[in-house]
Protein backbone atom coordinates (compact mmCIF):
# COMPACT_ATOMS: atom_id res chain seq x y z
CA MET A 1 74.66 79.90 133.82
CA GLY A 2 75.73 81.78 136.70
CA ASP A 3 76.81 85.43 137.04
CA ALA A 4 80.58 84.32 138.49
CA VAL A 5 80.93 82.04 135.12
CA ILE A 6 79.58 85.22 132.93
CA GLU A 7 81.71 87.22 134.76
CA GLN A 8 84.54 85.09 133.90
CA LEU A 9 83.84 85.25 130.47
CA ASP A 10 83.68 88.44 129.95
CA VAL A 11 87.61 88.51 131.51
CA GLY A 12 90.61 89.19 128.76
CA ILE A 13 87.95 86.42 126.29
CA THR A 14 88.03 88.52 122.88
CA THR A 15 86.28 86.75 120.84
CA LEU A 16 83.19 84.21 120.08
CA GLU A 17 85.83 81.45 119.88
CA GLN A 18 87.79 81.98 122.32
CA ARG A 19 84.17 81.69 124.80
CA LEU A 20 83.47 78.53 123.23
CA LEU A 21 86.57 77.22 123.49
CA GLN A 22 86.22 78.26 127.51
CA LEU A 23 83.26 76.82 127.76
CA TYR A 24 84.21 73.48 126.09
CA LYS A 25 87.12 72.92 127.83
CA GLN A 26 84.30 73.34 131.26
CA ALA A 27 82.20 70.77 130.34
CA VAL A 28 85.15 68.61 129.57
CA ASP A 29 86.03 68.74 132.73
CA GLU A 30 82.74 68.85 134.95
CA ARG A 31 82.19 65.41 132.36
CA HIS A 32 79.40 67.36 130.72
CA MET A 33 80.32 65.46 127.19
CA ASP A 34 77.28 66.12 125.93
CA VAL A 35 77.14 69.85 126.40
CA ALA A 36 80.98 69.63 125.27
CA GLU A 37 79.89 68.37 121.68
CA GLN A 38 77.16 70.81 121.32
CA LEU A 39 80.54 73.31 122.06
CA LEU A 40 82.84 71.49 119.85
CA CYS A 41 80.27 71.96 116.60
CA ALA A 42 79.76 74.97 117.19
CA LEU A 43 83.75 75.41 117.36
CA GLU A 44 83.32 73.02 114.00
CA GLN A 45 80.68 75.46 112.18
CA LEU A 46 82.76 78.58 112.95
CA ALA A 47 86.41 77.33 111.67
CA LYS A 48 84.67 77.12 108.23
CA SER A 49 84.75 80.26 107.78
CA ASP A 50 87.42 81.83 110.18
CA LEU A 51 91.15 81.00 110.85
CA ALA A 52 90.79 81.66 114.50
CA GLY A 53 87.83 79.33 114.75
CA LYS A 54 90.31 76.44 113.42
CA ASP A 55 92.81 77.32 116.12
CA ALA A 56 90.54 77.19 118.38
CA VAL A 57 88.83 74.03 117.15
CA GLU A 58 92.26 72.52 117.12
CA GLU A 59 93.18 73.22 120.74
CA ALA A 60 89.99 71.66 121.69
CA TYR A 61 90.55 68.65 119.97
CA LEU A 62 94.02 68.47 121.99
CA TRP A 63 92.50 69.34 125.51
CA ILE A 64 90.24 66.49 124.86
CA CYS A 65 92.31 63.56 123.38
CA CYS A 66 95.85 64.84 125.22
CA GLY A 67 94.82 64.63 128.04
CA ARG A 68 93.62 68.60 128.37
CA HIS A 69 97.69 69.60 127.92
CA PRO A 70 98.13 70.79 124.97
CA LEU A 71 101.27 69.99 123.01
CA ASP A 72 103.64 73.56 122.00
CA ALA A 73 104.03 74.47 118.85
């Protein structure tokens, strides 16, 4: 991972769920579906014990199934 990507991750992102979700979205956008799958697994693992993780998993599924335009709640 390049330094520029690492710097982008540090700006305004405070939780592990948010960082994983950002990387997941990037992997999907760049069509690295094998990487995206692993990141989604990590998000799902976090969701087992954390409400924020559950929200991140929901957003990840919306990102891929709804054309990367999550629905407004």
